[in-house]
Amino acid sequence: RLWLGEGDAPGSLVEMQTNIDNMNPEFYAP
């Protein structure tokens, strides 16, 4: 089966950010 359709528009990416100042640094990698 070949599904045919329209993809997201070229600008449909998002950048997500959060400031963290109270977390054990060992937890960032996982």
PDB file of all heavy atoms in Angstrom:
ATOM      1  N   ARG A   1       0.833  -1.199   0.000  1.00  0.00           N
ATOM      2  CA  ARG A   1       0.000   0.000   0.000  1.00  0.00           C
ATOM      3  C   ARG A   1       0.870   1.253   0.000  1.00  0.00           C
ATOM      4  O   ARG A   1       1.842   1.351   0.756  1.00  0.00           O
ATOM      5  CB  ARG A   1      -0.926   0.006   1.214  1.00  0.00           C
ATOM      6  CG  ARG A   1      -1.919  -1.145   1.190  1.00  0.00           C
ATOM      7  CD  ARG A   1      -2.979  -1.010   2.264  1.00  0.00           C
ATOM      8  NE  ARG A   1      -2.400  -1.086   3.612  1.00  0.00           N
ATOM      9  CZ  ARG A   1      -3.124  -1.008   4.726  1.00  0.00           C
ATOM     10  NH1 ARG A   1      -4.437  -0.840   4.655  1.00  0.00           N
ATOM     11  NH2 ARG A   1      -2.541  -1.085   5.907  1.00  0.00           N
ATOM     12  N   LEU A   2       0.521   2.180  -0.856  1.00  0.00           N
ATOM     13  CA  LEU A   2       1.209   3.462  -0.940  1.00  0.00           C
ATOM     14  C   LEU A   2       0.249   4.542  -0.479  1.00  0.00           C
ATOM     15  O   LEU A   2      -0.726   4.851  -1.155  1.00  0.00           O
ATOM     16  CB  LEU A   2       1.668   3.728  -2.384  1.00  0.00           C
ATOM     17  CG  LEU A   2       2.356   5.066  -2.653  1.00  0.00           C
ATOM     18  CD1 LEU A   2       3.648   5.193  -1.845  1.00  0.00           C
ATOM     19  CD2 LEU A   2       2.643   5.228  -4.146  1.00  0.00           C
ATOM     20  N   TRP A   3       0.527   5.092   0.711  1.00  0.00           N
ATOM     21  CA  TRP A   3      -0.297   6.175   1.226  1.00  0.00           C
ATOM     22  C   TRP A   3       0.185   7.476   0.589  1.00  0.00           C
ATOM     23  O   TRP A   3       1.371   7.801   0.639  1.00  0.00           O
ATOM     24  CB  TRP A   3      -0.165   6.291   2.742  1.00  0.00           C
ATOM     25  CG  TRP A   3      -0.451   5.050   3.527  1.00  0.00           C
ATOM     26  CD1 TRP A   3      -0.759   3.807   3.045  1.00  0.00           C
ATOM     27  CD2 TRP A   3      -0.427   4.929   4.958  1.00  0.00           C
ATOM     28  NE1 TRP A   3      -0.924   2.924   4.073  1.00  0.00           N
ATOM     29  CE2 TRP A   3      -0.733   3.575   5.256  1.00  0.00           C
ATOM     30  CE3 TRP A   3      -0.177   5.816   5.996  1.00  0.00           C
ATOM     31  CZ2 TRP A   3      -0.792   3.118   6.569  1.00  0.00           C
ATOM     32  CZ3 TRP A   3      -0.236   5.359   7.297  1.00  0.00           C
ATOM     33  CH2 TRP A   3      -0.548   4.028   7.582  1.00  0.00           C
ATOM     34  N   LEU A   4      -0.724   8.223   0.035  1.00  0.00           N
ATOM     35  CA  LEU A   4      -0.382   9.478  -0.627  1.00  0.00           C
ATOM     36  C   LEU A   4      -1.056  10.634   0.102  1.00  0.00           C
ATOM     37  O   LEU A   4      -2.243  10.569   0.439  1.00  0.00           O
ATOM     38  CB  LEU A   4      -0.840   9.447  -2.087  1.00  0.00           C
ATOM     39  CG  LEU A   4      -0.186   8.358  -2.946  1.00  0.00           C
ATOM     40  CD1 LEU A   4      -0.930   8.187  -4.261  1.00  0.00           C
ATOM     41  CD2 LEU A   4       1.276   8.684  -3.191  1.00  0.00           C
ATOM     42  N   GLY A   5      -0.311  11.677   0.354  1.00  0.00           N
ATOM     43  CA  GLY A   5      -0.884  12.799   1.080  1.00  0.00           C
ATOM     44  C   GLY A   5       0.003  14.021   1.065  1.00  0.00           C
ATOM     45  O   GLY A   5       1.044  14.058   0.395  1.00  0.00           O
ATOM     46  N   GLU A   6      -0.404  15.005   1.823  1.00  0.00           N
ATOM     47  CA  GLU A   6       0.330  16.258   1.931  1.00  0.00           C
ATOM     48  C   GLU A   6       1.028  16.299   3.277  1.00  0.00           C
ATOM     49  O   GLU A   6       0.443  15.991   4.311  1.00  0.00           O
ATOM     50  CB  GLU A   6      -0.624  17.456   1.795  1.00  0.00           C
ATOM     51  CG  GLU A   6      -1.374  17.503   0.468  1.00  0.00           C
ATOM     52  CD  GLU A   6      -0.451  17.666  -0.731  1.00  0.00           C
ATOM     53  OE1 GLU A   6       0.663  18.208  -0.536  1.00  0.00           O
ATOM     54  OE2 GLU A   6      -0.831  17.271  -1.836  1.00  0.00           O
ATOM     55  N   GLY A   7       2.299  16.693   3.248  1.00  0.00           N
ATOM     56  CA  GLY A   7       3.057  16.811   4.477  1.00  0.00           C
ATOM     57  C   GLY A   7       2.827  18.144   5.141  1.00  0.00           C
ATOM     58  O   GLY A   7       2.096  19.003   4.636  1.00  0.00           O
ATOM     59  N   ASP A   8       3.435  18.308   6.298  1.00  0.00           N
ATOM     60  CA  ASP A   8       3.346  19.589   6.981  1.00  0.00           C
ATOM     61  C   ASP A   8       3.990  20.669   6.141  1.00  0.00           C
ATOM     62  O   ASP A   8       4.884  20.417   5.339  1.00  0.00           O
ATOM     63  CB  ASP A   8       4.068  19.530   8.334  1.00  0.00           C
ATOM     64  CG  ASP A   8       3.266  18.731   9.356  1.00  0.00           C
ATOM     65  OD1 ASP A   8       2.055  18.579   9.155  1.00  0.00           O
ATOM     66  OD2 ASP A   8       3.870  18.282  10.344  1.00  0.00           O
ATOM     67  N   ALA A   9       3.540  21.915   6.320  1.00  0.00           N
ATOM     68  CA  ALA A   9       4.142  23.041   5.625  1.00  0.00           C
ATOM     69  C   ALA A   9       5.589  23.194   6.049  1.00  0.00           C
ATOM     70  O   ALA A   9       5.988  22.739   7.122  1.00  0.00           O
ATOM     71  CB  ALA A   9       3.367  24.320   5.953  1.00  0.00           C
ATOM     72  N   PRO A  10       6.432  23.842   5.188  1.00  0.00           N
ATOM     73  CA  PRO A  10       7.849  23.971   5.507  1.00  0.00           C
ATOM     74  C   PRO A  10       8.121  24.592   6.873  1.00  0.00           C
ATOM     75  O   PRO A  10       9.127  24.309   7.495  1.00  0.00           O
ATOM     76  CB  PRO A  10       8.372  24.866   4.376  1.00  0.00           C
ATOM     77  CG  PRO A  10       7.433  24.628   3.247  1.00  0.00           C
ATOM     78  CD  PRO A  10       6.102  24.418   3.879  1.00  0.00           C
ATOM     79  N   GLY A  11       7.223  25.455   7.382  1.00  0.00           N
ATOM     80  CA  GLY A  11       7.483  26.107   8.648  1.00  0.00           C
ATOM     81  C   GLY A  11       6.932  25.368   9.853  1.00  0.00           C
ATOM     82  O   GLY A  11       6.898  25.924  10.948  1.00  0.00           O
ATOM     83  N   SER A  12       6.478  24.129   9.701  1.00  0.00           N
ATOM     84  CA  SER A  12       5.794  23.438  10.784  1.00  0.00           C
ATOM     85  C   SER A  12       6.756  22.705  11.709  1.00  0.00           C
ATOM     86  O   SER A  12       6.581  21.542  12.014  1.00  0.00           O
ATOM     87  CB  SER A  12       4.764  22.460  10.218  1.00  0.00           C
ATOM     88  OG  SER A  12       5.386  21.558   9.338  1.00  0.00           O
ATOM     89  N   LEU A  13       7.783  23.386  12.132  1.00  0.00           N
ATOM     90  CA  LEU A  13       8.670  22.911  13.183  1.00  0.00           C
ATOM     91  C   LEU A  13       8.485  23.810  14.389  1.00  0.00           C
ATOM     92  O   LEU A  13       8.104  24.970  14.263  1.00  0.00           O
ATOM     93  CB  LEU A  13      10.131  22.948  12.736  1.00  0.00           C
ATOM     94  CG  LEU A  13      10.527  22.105  11.530  1.00  0.00           C
ATOM     95  CD1 LEU A  13      12.014  22.313  11.221  1.00  0.00           C
ATOM     96  CD2 LEU A  13      10.251  20.639  11.770  1.00  0.00           C
ATOM     97  N   VAL A  14       8.761  23.266  15.567  1.00  0.00           N
ATOM     98  CA  VAL A  14       8.689  24.072  16.781  1.00  0.00           C
ATOM     99  C   VAL A  14       9.969  23.899  17.579  1.00  0.00           C
ATOM    100  O   VAL A  14      10.604  22.838  17.534  1.00  0.00           O
ATOM    101  CB  VAL A  14       7.474  23.707  17.654  1.00  0.00           C
ATOM    102  CG1 VAL A  14       6.169  24.044  16.940  1.00  0.00           C
ATOM    103  CG2 VAL A  14       7.500  22.242  18.053  1.00  0.00           C
ATOM    104  N   GLU A  15      10.344  24.952  18.283  1.00  0.00           N
ATOM    105  CA  GLU A  15      11.444  24.889  19.228  1.00  0.00           C
ATOM    106  C   GLU A  15      10.854  25.039  20.623  1.00  0.00           C
ATOM    107  O   GLU A  15      10.131  25.998  20.908  1.00  0.00           O
ATOM    108  CB  GLU A  15      12.464  25.993  18.958  1.00  0.00           C
ATOM    109  CG  GLU A  15      13.697  25.884  19.833  1.00  0.00           C
ATOM    110  CD  GLU A  15      14.749  26.927  19.484  1.00  0.00           C
ATOM    111  OE1 GLU A  15      14.921  27.202  18.277  1.00  0.00           O
ATOM    112  OE2 GLU A  15      15.375  27.472  20.418  1.00  0.00           O
ATOM    113  N   MET A  16      11.140  24.082  21.484  1.00  0.00           N
ATOM    114  CA  MET A  16      10.605  24.062  22.840  1.00  0.00           C
ATOM    115  C   MET A  16      11.743  24.325  23.816  1.00  0.00           C
ATOM    116  O   MET A  16      12.842  23.758  23.660  1.00  0.00           O
ATOM    117  CB  MET A  16       9.941  22.705  23.115  1.00  0.00           C
ATOM    118  CG  MET A  16       8.953  22.281  22.032  1.00  0.00           C
ATOM    119  SD  MET A  16       8.239  20.636  22.258  1.00  0.00           S
ATOM    120  CE  MET A  16       7.171  20.945  23.666  1.00  0.00           C
ATOM    121  N   GLN A  17      11.498  25.145  24.816  1.00  0.00           N
ATOM    122  CA  GLN A  17      12.540  25.515  25.772  1.00  0.00           C
ATOM    123  C   GLN A  17      11.982  25.552  27.179  1.00  0.00           C
ATOM    124  O   GLN A  17      10.819  25.902  27.398  1.00  0.00           O
ATOM    125  CB  GLN A  17      13.131  26.887  25.437  1.00  0.00           C
ATOM    126  CG  GLN A  17      13.924  26.934  24.145  1.00  0.00           C
ATOM    127  CD  GLN A  17      14.569  28.293  23.932  1.00  0.00           C
ATOM    128  OE1 GLN A  17      14.078  29.306  24.426  1.00  0.00           O
ATOM    129  NE2 GLN A  17      15.671  28.316  23.207  1.00  0.00           N
ATOM    130  N   THR A  18      12.833  25.210  28.122  1.00  0.00           N
ATOM    131  CA  THR A  18      12.480  25.353  29.525  1.00  0.00           C
ATOM    132  C   THR A  18      13.738  25.652  30.328  1.00  0.00           C
ATOM    133  O   THR A  18      14.810  25.098  30.046  1.00  0.00           O
ATOM    134  CB  THR A  18      11.778  24.097  30.071  1.00  0.00           C
ATOM    135  OG1 THR A  18      11.395  24.313  31.415  1.00  0.00           O
ATOM    136  CG2 THR A  18      12.665  22.871  29.973  1.00  0.00           C
ATOM    137  N   ASN A  19      13.637  26.555  31.314  1.00  0.00           N
ATOM    138  CA  ASN A  19      14.743  26.907  32.202  1.00  0.00           C
ATOM    139  C   ASN A  19      14.676  26.020  33.446  1.00  0.00           C
ATOM    140  O   ASN A  19      13.622  25.929  34.088  1.00  0.00           O
ATOM    141  CB  ASN A  19      14.654  28.372  32.630  1.00  0.00           C
ATOM    142  CG  ASN A  19      14.837  29.323  31.462  1.00  0.00           C
ATOM    143  OD1 ASN A  19      14.890  28.901  30.308  1.00  0.00           O
ATOM    144  ND2 ASN A  19      14.935  30.604  31.755  1.00  0.00           N
ATOM    145  N   ILE A  20      15.784  25.395  33.779  1.00  0.00           N
ATOM    146  CA  ILE A  20      15.814  24.480  34.924  1.00  0.00           C
ATOM    147  C   ILE A  20      16.988  24.859  35.837  1.00  0.00           C
ATOM    148  O   ILE A  20      18.139  24.909  35.387  1.00  0.00           O
ATOM    149  CB  ILE A  20      15.961  23.015  34.462  1.00  0.00           C
ATOM    150  CG1 ILE A  20      14.821  22.638  33.498  1.00  0.00           C
ATOM    151  CG2 ILE A  20      15.970  22.068  35.654  1.00  0.00           C
ATOM    152  CD1 ILE A  20      14.974  21.265  32.879  1.00  0.00           C
ATOM    153  N   ASP A  21      16.681  25.113  37.128  1.00  0.00           N
ATOM    154  CA  ASP A  21      17.750  25.480  38.057  1.00  0.00           C
ATOM    155  C   ASP A  21      17.763  24.636  39.329  1.00  0.00           C
ATOM    156  O   ASP A  21      18.480  24.934  40.275  1.00  0.00           O
ATOM    157  CB  ASP A  21      17.651  26.971  38.431  1.00  0.00           C
ATOM    158  CG  ASP A  21      16.379  27.298  39.205  1.00  0.00           C
ATOM    159  OD1 ASP A  21      15.556  26.378  39.421  1.00  0.00           O
ATOM    160  OD2 ASP A  21      16.209  28.471  39.581  1.00  0.00           O
ATOM    161  N   ASN A  22      16.962  23.552  39.335  1.00  0.00           N
ATOM    162  CA  ASN A  22      16.849  22.771  40.577  1.00  0.00           C
ATOM    163  C   ASN A  22      16.827  21.267  40.317  1.00  0.00           C
ATOM    164  O   ASN A  22      16.166  20.518  41.033  1.00  0.00           O
ATOM    165  CB  ASN A  22      15.588  23.190  41.337  1.00  0.00           C
ATOM    166  CG  ASN A  22      14.316  22.962  40.536  1.00  0.00           C
ATOM    167  OD1 ASN A  22      14.377  22.720  39.337  1.00  0.00           O
ATOM    168  ND2 ASN A  22      13.168  23.039  41.191  1.00  0.00           N
ATOM    169  N   MET A  23      17.550  20.824  39.282  1.00  0.00           N
ATOM    170  CA  MET A  23      17.547  19.390  38.954  1.00  0.00           C
ATOM    171  C   MET A  23      18.967  18.833  39.015  1.00  0.00           C
ATOM    172  O   MET A  23      19.932  19.499  38.614  1.00  0.00           O
ATOM    173  CB  MET A  23      16.957  19.170  37.551  1.00  0.00           C
ATOM    174  CG  MET A  23      16.657  17.706  37.249  1.00  0.00           C
ATOM    175  SD  MET A  23      15.719  17.478  35.708  1.00  0.00           S
ATOM    176  CE  MET A  23      17.014  17.505  34.478  1.00  0.00           C
ATOM    177  N   ASN A  24      19.100  17.626  39.513  1.00  0.00           N
ATOM    178  CA  ASN A  24      20.383  16.934  39.566  1.00  0.00           C
ATOM    179  C   ASN A  24      20.965  16.850  38.151  1.00  0.00           C
ATOM    180  O   ASN A  24      20.306  16.329  37.238  1.00  0.00           O
ATOM    181  CB  ASN A  24      20.168  15.527  40.127  1.00  0.00           C
ATOM    182  CG  ASN A  24      21.468  14.778  40.343  1.00  0.00           C
ATOM    183  OD1 ASN A  24      22.466  15.034  39.672  1.00  0.00           O
ATOM    184  ND2 ASN A  24      21.458  13.845  41.270  1.00  0.00           N
ATOM    185  N   PRO A  25      22.176  17.348  37.924  1.00  0.00           N
ATOM    186  CA  PRO A  25      22.766  17.315  36.572  1.00  0.00           C
ATOM    187  C   PRO A  25      22.865  15.915  35.980  1.00  0.00           C
ATOM    188  O   PRO A  25      22.898  15.762  34.756  1.00  0.00           O
ATOM    189  CB  PRO A  25      24.152  17.925  36.788  1.00  0.00           C
ATOM    190  CG  PRO A  25      24.020  18.752  38.026  1.00  0.00           C
ATOM    191  CD  PRO A  25      23.045  18.029  38.896  1.00  0.00           C
ATOM    192  N   GLU A  26      22.910  14.882  36.838  1.00  0.00           N
ATOM    193  CA  GLU A  26      22.995  13.513  36.319  1.00  0.00           C
ATOM    194  C   GLU A  26      21.738  13.105  35.554  1.00  0.00           C
ATOM    195  O   GLU A  26      21.761  12.142  34.787  1.00  0.00           O
ATOM    196  CB  GLU A  26      23.215  12.539  37.486  1.00  0.00           C
ATOM    197  CG  GLU A  26      24.551  12.706  38.190  1.00  0.00           C
ATOM    198  CD  GLU A  26      24.682  11.810  39.403  1.00  0.00           C
ATOM    199  OE1 GLU A  26      23.659  11.537  40.058  1.00  0.00           O
ATOM    200  OE2 GLU A  26      25.811  11.382  39.691  1.00  0.00           O
ATOM    201  N   PHE A  27      20.628  13.848  35.748  1.00  0.00           N
ATOM    202  CA  PHE A  27      19.368  13.459  35.113  1.00  0.00           C
ATOM    203  C   PHE A  27      19.222  13.996  33.692  1.00  0.00           C
ATOM    204  O   PHE A  27      18.315  13.575  32.968  1.00  0.00           O
ATOM    205  CB  PHE A  27      18.184  13.950  35.954  1.00  0.00           C
ATOM    206  CG  PHE A  27      18.124  13.370  37.341  1.00  0.00           C
ATOM    207  CD1 PHE A  27      17.378  13.996  38.344  1.00  0.00           C
ATOM    208  CD2 PHE A  27      18.816  12.210  37.667  1.00  0.00           C
ATOM    209  CE1 PHE A  27      17.316  13.470  39.619  1.00  0.00           C
ATOM    210  CE2 PHE A  27      18.772  11.676  38.944  1.00  0.00           C
ATOM    211  CZ  PHE A  27      18.020  12.307  39.923  1.00  0.00           C
ATOM    212  N   TYR A  28      20.086  14.925  33.291  1.00  0.00           N
ATOM    213  CA  TYR A  28      19.916  15.519  31.962  1.00  0.00           C
ATOM    214  C   TYR A  28      20.145  14.506  30.840  1.00  0.00           C
ATOM    215  O   TYR A  28      19.397  14.483  29.852  1.00  0.00           O
ATOM    216  CB  TYR A  28      20.856  16.713  31.778  1.00  0.00           C
ATOM    217  CG  TYR A  28      20.407  17.953  32.517  1.00  0.00           C
ATOM    218  CD1 TYR A  28      21.070  18.393  33.653  1.00  0.00           C
ATOM    219  CD2 TYR A  28      19.296  18.669  32.074  1.00  0.00           C
ATOM    220  CE1 TYR A  28      20.638  19.520  34.343  1.00  0.00           C
ATOM    221  CE2 TYR A  28      18.859  19.802  32.758  1.00  0.00           C
ATOM    222  CZ  TYR A  28      19.535  20.214  33.898  1.00  0.00           C
ATOM    223  OH  TYR A  28      19.107  21.326  34.575  1.00  0.00           O
ATOM    224  N   ALA A  29      21.166  13.688  30.958  1.00  0.00           N
ATOM    225  CA  ALA A  29      21.479  12.738  29.879  1.00  0.00           C
ATOM    226  C   ALA A  29      20.324  11.781  29.588  1.00  0.00           C
ATOM    227  O   ALA A  29      19.939  11.607  28.424  1.00  0.00           O
ATOM    228  CB  ALA A  29      22.755  11.960  30.203  1.00  0.00           C
ATOM    229  N   PRO A  30      19.724  11.145  30.613  1.00  0.00           N
ATOM    230  CA  PRO A  30      18.589  10.256  30.289  1.00  0.00           C
ATOM    231  C   PRO A  30      17.383  10.993  29.712  1.00  0.00           C
ATOM    232  O   PRO A  30      16.656  10.445  28.885  1.00  0.00           O
ATOM    233  CB  PRO A  30      18.253   9.596  31.637  1.00  0.00           C
ATOM    234  CG  PRO A  30      18.930  10.414  32.677  1.00  0.00           C
ATOM    235  CD  PRO A  30      20.111  11.030  32.034  1.00  0.00           C
TER     236      PRO A  30
END
